[in-house]
Amino acid sequence: MQSQFLRYLLVGGASFALEYGLYWLLYRWLGLPYLWANSSAYLTVFVVNFLLNRSWTFGSSGHMGRQALLYLLLVLFNLLASNVVLYLLVELAQVPALVAKVVVMLMIVSWNFVLYRKVIYR
């Protein structure tokens, strides 16, 4: 499990960099509202993340359709949760949007590994 978790962290780190880079680009450079930038970046990265986690992190040979459906449901939940928490941090707690995005991403990472390992790629 230790090497699996390390692979998860490597894939997650690459996904984090890609997602945050897209978020920054869309929010700061293109001027999209932060919730639109968050949604766009998150949905762009999810396909790459699914395939890397399936093949490399968890080495799963399970039914891809089932896994993709479960993963999509988790993505939709995570997207909703991230937008709600991002909104609360930015609008109510007055946390800068670029900082709030990092907080939200760390929150999601905490439960994704368990759900990937125990439910999606089991």
PDB file of N, CA and C in Angstrom:
ATOM      1  N   MET A   1       0.819  -1.199   0.000  1.00  0.00           N
ATOM      2  CA  MET A   1       0.000   0.000   0.000  1.00  0.00           C
ATOM      3  C   MET A   1       0.862   1.262   0.000  1.00  0.00           C
ATOM      4  N   GLN A   2       2.049   1.200   0.589  1.00  0.00           N
ATOM      5  CA  GLN A   2       2.898   2.379   0.657  1.00  0.00           C
ATOM      6  C   GLN A   2       3.294   2.874  -0.729  1.00  0.00           C
ATOM      7  N   SER A   3       3.687   1.954  -1.617  1.00  0.00           N
ATOM      8  CA  SER A   3       4.060   2.374  -2.971  1.00  0.00           C
ATOM      9  C   SER A   3       2.831   2.854  -3.746  1.00  0.00           C
ATOM     10  N   GLN A   4       1.686   2.263  -3.470  1.00  0.00           N
ATOM     11  CA  GLN A   4       0.449   2.693  -4.109  1.00  0.00           C
ATOM     12  C   GLN A   4       0.113   4.121  -3.683  1.00  0.00           C
ATOM     13  N   PHE A   5       0.276   4.412  -2.406  1.00  0.00           N
ATOM     14  CA  PHE A   5       0.004   5.755  -1.911  1.00  0.00           C
ATOM     15  C   PHE A   5       0.998   6.753  -2.504  1.00  0.00           C
ATOM     16  N   LEU A   6       2.251   6.351  -2.657  1.00  0.00           N
ATOM     17  CA  LEU A   6       3.251   7.215  -3.278  1.00  0.00           C
ATOM     18  C   LEU A   6       2.878   7.518  -4.730  1.00  0.00           C
ATOM     19  N   ARG A   7       2.444   6.503  -5.466  1.00  0.00           N
ATOM     20  CA  ARG A   7       1.998   6.726  -6.843  1.00  0.00           C
ATOM     21  C   ARG A   7       0.782   7.656  -6.875  1.00  0.00           C
ATOM     22  N   TYR A   8      -0.129   7.463  -5.907  1.00  0.00           N
ATOM     23  CA  TYR A   8      -1.301   8.331  -5.796  1.00  0.00           C
ATOM     24  C   TYR A   8      -0.856   9.778  -5.585  1.00  0.00           C
ATOM     25  N   LEU A   9       0.122   9.975  -4.722  1.00  0.00           N
ATOM     26  CA  LEU A   9       0.613  11.323  -4.462  1.00  0.00           C
ATOM     27  C   LEU A   9       1.294  11.931  -5.696  1.00  0.00           C
ATOM     28  N   LEU A  10       2.020  11.116  -6.448  1.00  0.00           N
ATOM     29  CA  LEU A  10       2.669  11.612  -7.665  1.00  0.00           C
ATOM     30  C   LEU A  10       1.634  12.012  -8.723  1.00  0.00           C
ATOM     31  N   VAL A  11       0.653  11.148  -8.940  1.00  0.00           N
ATOM     32  CA  VAL A  11      -0.415  11.473  -9.892  1.00  0.00           C
ATOM     33  C   VAL A  11      -1.183  12.688  -9.388  1.00  0.00           C
ATOM     34  N   GLY A  12      -1.466  12.693  -8.102  1.00  0.00           N
ATOM     35  CA  GLY A  12      -2.179  13.825  -7.514  1.00  0.00           C
ATOM     36  C   GLY A  12      -1.398  15.122  -7.617  1.00  0.00           C
ATOM     37  N   GLY A  13      -0.083  15.038  -7.407  1.00  0.00           N
ATOM     38  CA  GLY A  13       0.746  16.236  -7.524  1.00  0.00           C
ATOM     39  C   GLY A  13       0.744  16.797  -8.933  1.00  0.00           C
ATOM     40  N   ALA A  14       0.850  15.905  -9.909  1.00  0.00           N
ATOM     41  CA  ALA A  14       0.804  16.342 -11.309  1.00  0.00           C
ATOM     42  C   ALA A  14      -0.575  16.922 -11.644  1.00  0.00           C
ATOM     43  N   SER A  15      -1.615  16.255 -11.161  1.00  0.00           N
ATOM     44  CA  SER A  15      -2.979  16.744 -11.395  1.00  0.00           C
ATOM     45  C   SER A  15      -3.193  18.090 -10.700  1.00  0.00           C
ATOM     46  N   PHE A  16      -2.673  18.203  -9.483  1.00  0.00           N
ATOM     47  CA  PHE A  16      -2.769  19.452  -8.722  1.00  0.00           C
ATOM     48  C   PHE A  16      -2.123  20.590  -9.509  1.00  0.00           C
ATOM     49  N   ALA A  17      -0.911  20.353 -10.009  1.00  0.00           N
ATOM     50  CA  ALA A  17      -0.195  21.390 -10.752  1.00  0.00           C
ATOM     51  C   ALA A  17      -0.966  21.788 -12.010  1.00  0.00           C
ATOM     52  N   LEU A  18      -1.461  20.804 -12.736  1.00  0.00           N
ATOM     53  CA  LEU A  18      -2.223  21.083 -13.952  1.00  0.00           C
ATOM     54  C   LEU A  18      -3.520  21.827 -13.631  1.00  0.00           C
ATOM     55  N   GLU A  19      -4.250  21.337 -12.635  1.00  0.00           N
ATOM     56  CA  GLU A  19      -5.520  21.970 -12.281  1.00  0.00           C
ATOM     57  C   GLU A  19      -5.314  23.386 -11.764  1.00  0.00           C
ATOM     58  N   TYR A  20      -4.351  23.568 -10.872  1.00  0.00           N
ATOM     59  CA  TYR A  20      -4.119  24.900 -10.317  1.00  0.00           C
ATOM     60  C   TYR A  20      -3.603  25.846 -11.402  1.00  0.00           C
ATOM     61  N   GLY A  21      -2.749  25.336 -12.289  1.00  0.00           N
ATOM     62  CA  GLY A  21      -2.268  26.166 -13.394  1.00  0.00           C
ATOM     63  C   GLY A  21      -3.399  26.619 -14.303  1.00  0.00           C
ATOM     64  N   LEU A  22      -4.305  25.703 -14.622  1.00  0.00           N
ATOM     65  CA  LEU A  22      -5.469  26.070 -15.438  1.00  0.00           C
ATOM     66  C   LEU A  22      -6.360  27.063 -14.704  1.00  0.00           C
ATOM     67  N   TYR A  23      -6.580  26.814 -13.411  1.00  0.00           N
ATOM     68  CA  TYR A  23      -7.398  27.723 -12.596  1.00  0.00           C
ATOM     69  C   TYR A  23      -6.789  29.119 -12.609  1.00  0.00           C
ATOM     70  N   TRP A  24      -5.490  29.203 -12.349  1.00  0.00           N
ATOM     71  CA  TRP A  24      -4.812  30.488 -12.323  1.00  0.00           C
ATOM     72  C   TRP A  24      -4.943  31.184 -13.671  1.00  0.00           C
ATOM     73  N   LEU A  25      -4.704  30.446 -14.745  1.00  0.00           N
ATOM     74  CA  LEU A  25      -4.791  31.002 -16.089  1.00  0.00           C
ATOM     75  C   LEU A  25      -6.193  31.536 -16.382  1.00  0.00           C
ATOM     76  N   LEU A  26      -7.196  30.726 -16.081  1.00  0.00           N
ATOM     77  CA  LEU A  26      -8.577  31.124 -16.362  1.00  0.00           C
ATOM     78  C   LEU A  26      -9.035  32.277 -15.476  1.00  0.00           C
ATOM     79  N   TYR A  27      -8.640  32.244 -14.216  1.00  0.00           N
ATOM     80  CA  TYR A  27      -9.097  33.264 -13.261  1.00  0.00           C
ATOM     81  C   TYR A  27      -8.305  34.565 -13.394  1.00  0.00           C
ATOM     82  N   ARG A  28      -6.991  34.476 -13.334  1.00  0.00           N
ATOM     83  CA  ARG A  28      -6.160  35.675 -13.313  1.00  0.00           C
ATOM     84  C   ARG A  28      -5.900  36.248 -14.698  1.00  0.00           C
ATOM     85  N   TRP A  29      -5.659  35.387 -15.653  1.00  0.00           N
ATOM     86  CA  TRP A  29      -5.247  35.868 -16.952  1.00  0.00           C
ATOM     87  C   TRP A  29      -6.436  36.135 -17.872  1.00  0.00           C
ATOM     88  N   LEU A  30      -7.398  35.200 -17.879  1.00  0.00           N
ATOM     89  CA  LEU A  30      -8.559  35.382 -18.755  1.00  0.00           C
ATOM     90  C   LEU A  30      -9.727  36.084 -18.064  1.00  0.00           C
ATOM     91  N   GLY A  31      -9.658  36.242 -16.756  1.00  0.00           N
ATOM     92  CA  GLY A  31     -10.667  36.999 -16.031  1.00  0.00           C
ATOM     93  C   GLY A  31     -11.993  36.292 -15.801  1.00  0.00           C
ATOM     94  N   LEU A  32     -11.999  34.953 -15.899  1.00  0.00           N
ATOM     95  CA  LEU A  32     -13.243  34.235 -15.608  1.00  0.00           C
ATOM     96  C   LEU A  32     -13.579  34.350 -14.123  1.00  0.00           C
ATOM     97  N   PRO A  33     -14.855  34.354 -13.762  1.00  0.00           N
ATOM     98  CA  PRO A  33     -15.205  34.294 -12.334  1.00  0.00           C
ATOM     99  C   PRO A  33     -14.610  33.035 -11.709  1.00  0.00           C
ATOM    100  N   TYR A  34     -14.223  33.105 -10.431  1.00  0.00           N
ATOM    101  CA  TYR A  34     -13.485  32.009  -9.803  1.00  0.00           C
ATOM    102  C   TYR A  34     -14.242  30.680  -9.807  1.00  0.00           C
ATOM    103  N   LEU A  35     -15.565  30.693  -9.695  1.00  0.00           N
ATOM    104  CA  LEU A  35     -16.307  29.427  -9.713  1.00  0.00           C
ATOM    105  C   LEU A  35     -16.301  28.808 -11.120  1.00  0.00           C
ATOM    106  N   TRP A  36     -16.353  29.630 -12.148  1.00  0.00           N
ATOM    107  CA  TRP A  36     -16.256  29.119 -13.516  1.00  0.00           C
ATOM    108  C   TRP A  36     -14.860  28.578 -13.782  1.00  0.00           C
ATOM    109  N   ALA A  37     -13.865  29.308 -13.319  1.00  0.00           N
ATOM    110  CA  ALA A  37     -12.478  28.865 -13.499  1.00  0.00           C
ATOM    111  C   ALA A  37     -12.248  27.546 -12.773  1.00  0.00           C
ATOM    112  N   ASN A  38     -12.791  27.419 -11.560  1.00  0.00           N
ATOM    113  CA  ASN A  38     -12.653  26.187 -10.789  1.00  0.00           C
ATOM    114  C   ASN A  38     -13.311  25.016 -11.511  1.00  0.00           C
ATOM    115  N   SER A  39     -14.531  25.206 -11.941  1.00  0.00           N
ATOM    116  CA  SER A  39     -15.267  24.130 -12.620  1.00  0.00           C
ATOM    117  C   SER A  39     -14.559  23.702 -13.903  1.00  0.00           C
ATOM    118  N   SER A  40     -14.119  24.659 -14.684  1.00  0.00           N
ATOM    119  CA  SER A  40     -13.452  24.350 -15.951  1.00  0.00           C
ATOM    120  C   SER A  40     -12.153  23.591 -15.726  1.00  0.00           C
ATOM    121  N   ALA A  41     -11.342  24.060 -14.793  1.00  0.00           N
ATOM    122  CA  ALA A  41     -10.061  23.399 -14.516  1.00  0.00           C
ATOM    123  C   ALA A  41     -10.287  21.999 -13.966  1.00  0.00           C
ATOM    124  N   TYR A  42     -11.220  21.858 -13.041  1.00  0.00           N
ATOM    125  CA  TYR A  42     -11.477  20.564 -12.412  1.00  0.00           C
ATOM    126  C   TYR A  42     -11.950  19.532 -13.429  1.00  0.00           C
ATOM    127  N   LEU A  43     -12.884  19.919 -14.280  1.00  0.00           N
ATOM    128  CA  LEU A  43     -13.425  18.981 -15.266  1.00  0.00           C
ATOM    129  C   LEU A  43     -12.410  18.636 -16.362  1.00  0.00           C
ATOM    130  N   THR A  44     -11.514  19.543 -16.661  1.00  0.00           N
ATOM    131  CA  THR A  44     -10.479  19.271 -17.657  1.00  0.00           C
ATOM    132  C   THR A  44      -9.511  18.207 -17.169  1.00  0.00           C
ATOM    133  N   VAL A  45      -9.149  18.272 -15.904  1.00  0.00           N
ATOM    134  CA  VAL A  45      -8.128  17.383 -15.348  1.00  0.00           C
ATOM    135  C   VAL A  45      -8.682  15.996 -15.006  1.00  0.00           C
ATOM    136  N   PHE A  46      -9.986  15.867 -14.811  1.00  0.00           N
ATOM    137  CA  PHE A  46     -10.524  14.612 -14.290  1.00  0.00           C
ATOM    138  C   PHE A  46     -10.283  13.408 -15.206  1.00  0.00           C
ATOM    139  N   VAL A  47     -10.279  13.583 -16.510  1.00  0.00           N
ATOM    140  CA  VAL A  47     -10.068  12.448 -17.424  1.00  0.00           C
ATOM    141  C   VAL A  47      -8.636  11.923 -17.291  1.00  0.00           C
ATOM    142  N   VAL A  48      -7.685  12.817 -17.297  1.00  0.00           N
ATOM    143  CA  VAL A  48      -6.279  12.418 -17.151  1.00  0.00           C
ATOM    144  C   VAL A  48      -6.075  11.718 -15.810  1.00  0.00           C
ATOM    145  N   ASN A  49      -6.637  12.286 -14.771  1.00  0.00           N
ATOM    146  CA  ASN A  49      -6.505  11.727 -13.430  1.00  0.00           C
ATOM    147  C   ASN A  49      -7.117  10.329 -13.348  1.00  0.00           C
ATOM    148  N   PHE A  50      -8.287  10.150 -13.946  1.00  0.00           N
ATOM    149  CA  PHE A  50      -8.941   8.842 -13.932  1.00  0.00           C
ATOM    150  C   PHE A  50      -8.055   7.788 -14.588  1.00  0.00           C
ATOM    151  N   LEU A  51      -7.559   8.089 -15.769  1.00  0.00           N
ATOM    152  CA  LEU A  51      -6.772   7.109 -16.509  1.00  0.00           C
ATOM    153  C   LEU A  51      -5.444   6.794 -15.817  1.00  0.00           C
ATOM    154  N   LEU A  52      -4.762   7.799 -15.307  1.00  0.00           N
ATOM    155  CA  LEU A  52      -3.496   7.555 -14.610  1.00  0.00           C
ATOM    156  C   LEU A  52      -3.709   6.758 -13.319  1.00  0.00           C
ATOM    157  N   ASN A  53      -4.724   7.116 -12.557  1.00  0.00           N
ATOM    158  CA  ASN A  53      -4.990   6.379 -11.326  1.00  0.00           C
ATOM    159  C   ASN A  53      -5.407   4.948 -11.618  1.00  0.00           C
ATOM    160  N   ARG A  54      -6.222   4.767 -12.634  1.00  0.00           N
ATOM    161  CA  ARG A  54      -6.689   3.415 -12.970  1.00  0.00           C
ATOM    162  C   ARG A  54      -5.533   2.524 -13.395  1.00  0.00           C
ATOM    163  N   SER A  55      -4.710   3.012 -14.298  1.00  0.00           N
ATOM    164  CA  SER A  55      -3.675   2.148 -14.867  1.00  0.00           C
ATOM    165  C   SER A  55      -2.404   2.095 -14.026  1.00  0.00           C
ATOM    166  N   TRP A  56      -1.958   3.218 -13.490  1.00  0.00           N
ATOM    167  CA  TRP A  56      -0.656   3.247 -12.834  1.00  0.00           C
ATOM    168  C   TRP A  56      -0.754   3.171 -11.311  1.00  0.00           C
ATOM    169  N   THR A  57      -1.581   3.992 -10.716  1.00  0.00           N
ATOM    170  CA  THR A  57      -1.655   4.024  -9.252  1.00  0.00           C
ATOM    171  C   THR A  57      -2.231   2.731  -8.694  1.00  0.00           C
ATOM    172  N   PHE A  58      -3.385   2.315  -9.192  1.00  0.00           N
ATOM    173  CA  PHE A  58      -4.084   1.171  -8.620  1.00  0.00           C
ATOM    174  C   PHE A  58      -3.975  -0.087  -9.479  1.00  0.00           C
ATOM    175  N   GLY A  59      -3.429   0.025 -10.690  1.00  0.00           N
ATOM    176  CA  GLY A  59      -3.250  -1.134 -11.558  1.00  0.00           C
ATOM    177  C   GLY A  59      -4.514  -1.950 -11.725  1.00  0.00           C
ATOM    178  N   SER A  60      -5.617  -1.270 -11.905  1.00  0.00           N
ATOM    179  CA  SER A  60      -6.907  -1.948 -11.946  1.00  0.00           C
ATOM    180  C   SER A  60      -7.197  -2.531 -13.329  1.00  0.00           C
ATOM    181  N   SER A  61      -7.745  -3.734 -13.320  1.00  0.00           N
ATOM    182  CA  SER A  61      -8.213  -4.346 -14.562  1.00  0.00           C
ATOM    183  C   SER A  61      -9.711  -4.606 -14.478  1.00  0.00           C
ATOM    184  N   GLY A  62     -10.352  -3.939 -13.521  1.00  0.00           N
ATOM    185  CA  GLY A  62     -11.799  -4.086 -13.354  1.00  0.00           C
ATOM    186  C   GLY A  62     -12.559  -3.475 -14.517  1.00  0.00           C
ATOM    187  N   HIS A  63     -13.849  -3.609 -14.477  1.00  0.00           N
ATOM    188  CA  HIS A  63     -14.727  -3.123 -15.540  1.00  0.00           C
ATOM    189  C   HIS A  63     -14.605  -1.598 -15.656  1.00  0.00           C
ATOM    190  N   MET A  64     -14.069  -1.148 -16.788  1.00  0.00           N
ATOM    191  CA  MET A  64     -13.804   0.274 -16.968  1.00  0.00           C
ATOM    192  C   MET A  64     -15.079   1.115 -16.952  1.00  0.00           C
ATOM    193  N   GLY A  65     -16.154   0.607 -17.511  1.00  0.00           N
ATOM    194  CA  GLY A  65     -17.410   1.351 -17.530  1.00  0.00           C
ATOM    195  C   GLY A  65     -17.931   1.616 -16.127  1.00  0.00           C
ATOM    196  N   ARG A  66     -17.900   0.583 -15.283  1.00  0.00           N
ATOM    197  CA  ARG A  66     -18.334   0.735 -13.890  1.00  0.00           C
ATOM    198  C   ARG A  66     -17.454   1.732 -13.163  1.00  0.00           C
ATOM    199  N   GLN A  67     -16.140   1.596 -13.353  1.00  0.00           N
ATOM    200  CA  GLN A  67     -15.203   2.494 -12.697  1.00  0.00           C
ATOM    201  C   GLN A  67     -15.390   3.937 -13.175  1.00  0.00           C
ATOM    202  N   ALA A  68     -15.590   4.109 -14.468  1.00  0.00           N
ATOM    203  CA  ALA A  68     -15.773   5.451 -15.016  1.00  0.00           C
ATOM    204  C   ALA A  68     -17.046   6.095 -14.472  1.00  0.00           C
ATOM    205  N   LEU A  69     -18.106   5.305 -14.336  1.00  0.00           N
ATOM    206  CA  LEU A  69     -19.353   5.832 -13.787  1.00  0.00           C
ATOM    207  C   LEU A  69     -19.173   6.252 -12.326  1.00  0.00           C
ATOM    208  N   LEU A  70     -18.558   5.382 -11.523  1.00  0.00           N
ATOM    209  CA  LEU A  70     -18.313   5.723 -10.118  1.00  0.00           C
ATOM    210  C   LEU A  70     -17.401   6.934 -10.003  1.00  0.00           C
ATOM    211  N   TYR A  71     -16.391   6.981 -10.845  1.00  0.00           N
ATOM    212  CA  TYR A  71     -15.461   8.102 -10.827  1.00  0.00           C
ATOM    213  C   TYR A  71     -16.182   9.391 -11.211  1.00  0.00           C
ATOM    214  N   LEU A  72     -17.027   9.329 -12.223  1.00  0.00           N
ATOM    215  CA  LEU A  72     -17.790  10.501 -12.638  1.00  0.00           C
ATOM    216  C   LEU A  72     -18.691  10.995 -11.511  1.00  0.00           C
ATOM    217  N   LEU A  73     -19.344  10.077 -10.807  1.00  0.00           N
ATOM    218  CA  LEU A  73     -20.183  10.476  -9.673  1.00  0.00           C
ATOM    219  C   LEU A  73     -19.356  11.169  -8.589  1.00  0.00           C
ATOM    220  N   LEU A  74     -18.167  10.632  -8.328  1.00  0.00           N
ATOM    221  CA  LEU A  74     -17.281  11.262  -7.343  1.00  0.00           C
ATOM    222  C   LEU A  74     -16.827  12.632  -7.845  1.00  0.00           C
ATOM    223  N   VAL A  75     -16.516  12.748  -9.113  1.00  0.00           N
ATOM    224  CA  VAL A  75     -16.106  14.031  -9.688  1.00  0.00           C
ATOM    225  C   VAL A  75     -17.215  15.065  -9.520  1.00  0.00           C
ATOM    226  N   LEU A  76     -18.440  14.673  -9.798  1.00  0.00           N
ATOM    227  CA  LEU A  76     -19.567  15.607  -9.665  1.00  0.00           C
ATOM    228  C   LEU A  76     -19.757  16.024  -8.209  1.00  0.00           C
ATOM    229  N   PHE A  77     -19.650  15.065  -7.288  1.00  0.00           N
ATOM    230  CA  PHE A  77     -19.732  15.401  -5.864  1.00  0.00           C
ATOM    231  C   PHE A  77     -18.607  16.350  -5.476  1.00  0.00           C
ATOM    232  N   ASN A  78     -17.374  16.012  -5.894  1.00  0.00           N
ATOM    233  CA  ASN A  78     -16.220  16.855  -5.566  1.00  0.00           C
ATOM    234  C   ASN A  78     -16.352  18.255  -6.163  1.00  0.00           C
ATOM    235  N   LEU A  79     -16.876  18.332  -7.373  1.00  0.00           N
ATOM    236  CA  LEU A  79     -17.060  19.632  -8.010  1.00  0.00           C
ATOM    237  C   LEU A  79     -18.057  20.480  -7.234  1.00  0.00           C
ATOM    238  N   LEU A  80     -19.172  19.885  -6.845  1.00  0.00           N
ATOM    239  CA  LEU A  80     -20.157  20.602  -6.052  1.00  0.00           C
ATOM    240  C   LEU A  80     -19.562  21.025  -4.706  1.00  0.00           C
ATOM    241  N   ALA A  81     -18.911  20.092  -4.022  1.00  0.00           N
ATOM    242  CA  ALA A  81     -18.309  20.399  -2.724  1.00  0.00           C
ATOM    243  C   ALA A  81     -17.241  21.485  -2.863  1.00  0.00           C
ATOM    244  N   SER A  82     -16.419  21.385  -3.908  1.00  0.00           N
ATOM    245  CA  SER A  82     -15.352  22.374  -4.052  1.00  0.00           C
ATOM    246  C   SER A  82     -15.906  23.757  -4.352  1.00  0.00           C
ATOM    247  N   ASN A  83     -16.943  23.838  -5.159  1.00  0.00           N
ATOM    248  CA  ASN A  83     -17.533  25.146  -5.444  1.00  0.00           C
ATOM    249  C   ASN A  83     -18.212  25.741  -4.221  1.00  0.00           C
ATOM    250  N   VAL A  84     -18.880  24.922  -3.431  1.00  0.00           N
ATOM    251  CA  VAL A  84     -19.528  25.421  -2.218  1.00  0.00           C
ATOM    252  C   VAL A  84     -18.486  25.929  -1.224  1.00  0.00           C
ATOM    253  N   VAL A  85     -17.472  25.123  -0.961  1.00  0.00           N
ATOM    254  CA  VAL A  85     -16.442  25.528   0.000  1.00  0.00           C
ATOM    255  C   VAL A  85     -15.648  26.721  -0.525  1.00  0.00           C
ATOM    256  N   LEU A  86     -15.347  26.718  -1.813  1.00  0.00           N
ATOM    257  CA  LEU A  86     -14.637  27.851  -2.411  1.00  0.00           C
ATOM    258  C   LEU A  86     -15.449  29.135  -2.247  1.00  0.00           C
ATOM    259  N   TYR A  87     -16.727  29.061  -2.521  1.00  0.00           N
ATOM    260  CA  TYR A  87     -17.607  30.219  -2.359  1.00  0.00           C
ATOM    261  C   TYR A  87     -17.616  30.699  -0.907  1.00  0.00           C
ATOM    262  N   LEU A  88     -17.762  29.766   0.027  1.00  0.00           N
ATOM    263  CA  LEU A  88     -17.792  30.138   1.445  1.00  0.00           C
ATOM    264  C   LEU A  88     -16.483  30.782   1.895  1.00  0.00           C
ATOM    265  N   LEU A  89     -15.368  30.216   1.445  1.00  0.00           N
ATOM    266  CA  LEU A  89     -14.070  30.777   1.821  1.00  0.00           C
ATOM    267  C   LEU A  89     -13.864  32.172   1.232  1.00  0.00           C
ATOM    268  N   VAL A  90     -14.224  32.338  -0.032  1.00  0.00           N
ATOM    269  CA  VAL A  90     -13.990  33.625  -0.703  1.00  0.00           C
ATOM    270  C   VAL A  90     -14.987  34.684  -0.239  1.00  0.00           C
ATOM    271  N   GLU A  91     -16.258  34.327  -0.241  1.00  0.00           N
ATOM    272  CA  GLU A  91     -17.286  35.329   0.036  1.00  0.00           C
ATOM    273  C   GLU A  91     -17.499  35.595   1.526  1.00  0.00           C
ATOM    274  N   LEU A  92     -17.464  34.561   2.346  1.00  0.00           N
ATOM    275  CA  LEU A  92     -17.742  34.757   3.767  1.00  0.00           C
ATOM    276  C   LEU A  92     -16.485  34.954   4.605  1.00  0.00           C
ATOM    277  N   ALA A  93     -15.464  34.159   4.330  1.00  0.00           N
ATOM    278  CA  ALA A  93     -14.236  34.239   5.131  1.00  0.00           C
ATOM    279  C   ALA A  93     -13.225  35.218   4.532  1.00  0.00           C
ATOM    280  N   GLN A  94     -13.530  35.747   3.342  1.00  0.00           N
ATOM    281  CA  GLN A  94     -12.661  36.721   2.675  1.00  0.00           C
ATOM    282  C   GLN A  94     -11.248  36.195   2.395  1.00  0.00           C
ATOM    283  N   VAL A  95     -11.150  34.881   2.129  1.00  0.00           N
ATOM    284  CA  VAL A  95      -9.877  34.269   1.749  1.00  0.00           C
ATOM    285  C   VAL A  95      -9.672  34.562   0.268  1.00  0.00           C
ATOM    286  N   PRO A  96      -8.479  34.997  -0.139  1.00  0.00           N
ATOM    287  CA  PRO A  96      -8.248  35.222  -1.571  1.00  0.00           C
ATOM    288  C   PRO A  96      -8.536  33.946  -2.381  1.00  0.00           C
ATOM    289  N   ALA A  97      -9.120  34.119  -3.548  1.00  0.00           N
ATOM    290  CA  ALA A  97      -9.561  32.978  -4.362  1.00  0.00           C
ATOM    291  C   ALA A  97      -8.428  32.021  -4.704  1.00  0.00           C
ATOM    292  N   LEU A  98      -7.228  32.530  -4.931  1.00  0.00           N
ATOM    293  CA  LEU A  98      -6.112  31.647  -5.281  1.00  0.00           C
ATOM    294  C   LEU A  98      -5.657  30.822  -4.080  1.00  0.00           C
ATOM    295  N   VAL A  99      -5.785  31.350  -2.891  1.00  0.00           N
ATOM    296  CA  VAL A  99      -5.453  30.605  -1.670  1.00  0.00           C
ATOM    297  C   VAL A  99      -6.566  29.620  -1.342  1.00  0.00           C
ATOM    298  N   ALA A 100      -7.802  30.057  -1.480  1.00  0.00           N
ATOM    299  CA  ALA A 100      -8.960  29.201  -1.198  1.00  0.00           C
ATOM    300  C   ALA A 100      -8.944  27.959  -2.090  1.00  0.00           C
ATOM    301  N   LYS A 101      -8.497  28.109  -3.322  1.00  0.00           N
ATOM    302  CA  LYS A 101      -8.436  26.975  -4.246  1.00  0.00           C
ATOM    303  C   LYS A 101      -7.508  25.890  -3.713  1.00  0.00           C
ATOM    304  N   VAL A 102      -6.380  26.273  -3.144  1.00  0.00           N
ATOM    305  CA  VAL A 102      -5.440  25.297  -2.579  1.00  0.00           C
ATOM    306  C   VAL A 102      -6.085  24.573  -1.399  1.00  0.00           C
ATOM    307  N   VAL A 103      -6.760  25.293  -0.538  1.00  0.00           N
ATOM    308  CA  VAL A 103      -7.438  24.690   0.617  1.00  0.00           C
ATOM    309  C   VAL A 103      -8.456  23.661   0.147  1.00  0.00           C
ATOM    310  N   VAL A 104      -9.237  24.020  -0.846  1.00  0.00           N
ATOM    311  CA  VAL A 104     -10.272  23.122  -1.381  1.00  0.00           C
ATOM    312  C   VAL A 104      -9.644  21.872  -1.989  1.00  0.00           C
ATOM    313  N   MET A 105      -8.565  22.041  -2.728  1.00  0.00           N
ATOM    314  CA  MET A 105      -7.916  20.898  -3.366  1.00  0.00           C
ATOM    315  C   MET A 105      -7.357  19.931  -2.325  1.00  0.00           C
ATOM    316  N   LEU A 106      -6.780  20.438  -1.255  1.00  0.00           N
ATOM    317  CA  LEU A 106      -6.261  19.576  -0.193  1.00  0.00           C
ATOM    318  C   LEU A 106      -7.381  18.833   0.520  1.00  0.00           C
ATOM    319  N   MET A 107      -8.511  19.482   0.680  1.00  0.00           N
ATOM    320  CA  MET A 107      -9.673  18.857   1.315  1.00  0.00           C
ATOM    321  C   MET A 107     -10.130  17.640   0.502  1.00  0.00           C
ATOM    322  N   ILE A 108     -10.201  17.798  -0.793  1.00  0.00           N
ATOM    323  CA  ILE A 108     -10.683  16.723  -1.670  1.00  0.00           C
ATOM    324  C   ILE A 108      -9.712  15.546  -1.699  1.00  0.00           C
ATOM    325  N   VAL A 109      -8.428  15.836  -1.722  1.00  0.00           N
ATOM    326  CA  VAL A 109      -7.411  14.774  -1.741  1.00  0.00           C
ATOM    327  C   VAL A 109      -7.574  13.852  -0.538  1.00  0.00           C
ATOM    328  N   SER A 110      -7.976  14.416   0.580  1.00  0.00           N
ATOM    329  CA  SER A 110      -8.052  13.629   1.816  1.00  0.00           C
ATOM    330  C   SER A 110      -9.045  12.473   1.732  1.00  0.00           C
ATOM    331  N   TRP A 111     -10.143  12.638   1.053  1.00  0.00           N
ATOM    332  CA  TRP A 111     -11.104  11.529   0.978  1.00  0.00           C
ATOM    333  C   TRP A 111     -11.017  10.757  -0.341  1.00  0.00           C
ATOM    334  N   ASN A 112     -10.421  11.323  -1.362  1.00  0.00           N
ATOM    335  CA  ASN A 112     -10.370  10.623  -2.647  1.00  0.00           C
ATOM    336  C   ASN A 112      -9.569   9.328  -2.603  1.00  0.00           C
ATOM    337  N   PHE A 113      -8.424   9.312  -1.930  1.00  0.00           N
ATOM    338  CA  PHE A 113      -7.608   8.095  -1.913  1.00  0.00           C
ATOM    339  C   PHE A 113      -8.408   6.916  -1.373  1.00  0.00           C
ATOM    340  N   VAL A 114      -9.094   7.130  -0.273  1.00  0.00           N
ATOM    341  CA  VAL A 114      -9.875   6.049   0.340  1.00  0.00           C
ATOM    342  C   VAL A 114     -10.976   5.586  -0.613  1.00  0.00           C
ATOM    343  N   LEU A 115     -11.676   6.512  -1.218  1.00  0.00           N
ATOM    344  CA  LEU A 115     -12.756   6.131  -2.137  1.00  0.00           C
ATOM    345  C   LEU A 115     -12.222   5.460  -3.401  1.00  0.00           C
ATOM    346  N   TYR A 116     -11.098   5.926  -3.919  1.00  0.00           N
ATOM    347  CA  TYR A 116     -10.494   5.270  -5.073  1.00  0.00           C
ATOM    348  C   TYR A 116     -10.140   3.827  -4.740  1.00  0.00           C
ATOM    349  N   ARG A 117      -9.461   3.661  -3.620  1.00  0.00           N
ATOM    350  CA  ARG A 117      -8.924   2.350  -3.247  1.00  0.00           C
ATOM    351  C   ARG A 117     -10.028   1.351  -2.861  1.00  0.00           C
ATOM    352  N   LYS A 118     -10.992   1.821  -2.082  1.00  0.00           N
ATOM    353  CA  LYS A 118     -12.007   0.927  -1.530  1.00  0.00           C
ATOM    354  C   LYS A 118     -13.252   0.760  -2.410  1.00  0.00           C
ATOM    355  N   VAL A 119     -13.528   1.719  -3.273  1.00  0.00           N
ATOM    356  CA  VAL A 119     -14.767   1.666  -4.042  1.00  0.00           C
ATOM    357  C   VAL A 119     -14.519   1.620  -5.550  1.00  0.00           C
ATOM    358  N   ILE A 120     -13.822   2.609  -6.078  1.00  0.00           N
ATOM    359  CA  ILE A 120     -13.749   2.752  -7.531  1.00  0.00           C
ATOM    360  C   ILE A 120     -12.816   1.739  -8.179  1.00  0.00           C
ATOM    361  N   TYR A 121     -11.575   1.612  -7.698  1.00  0.00           N
ATOM    362  CA  TYR A 121     -10.596   0.744  -8.333  1.00  0.00           C
ATOM    363  C   TYR A 121     -10.358  -0.549  -7.556  1.00  0.00           C
ATOM    364  N   ARG A 122     -11.283  -0.979  -6.754  1.00  0.00           N
ATOM    365  CA  ARG A 122     -11.092  -2.177  -5.922  1.00  0.00           C
ATOM    366  C   ARG A 122     -10.937  -3.431  -6.729  1.00  0.00           C
TER     367      ARG A 122
END
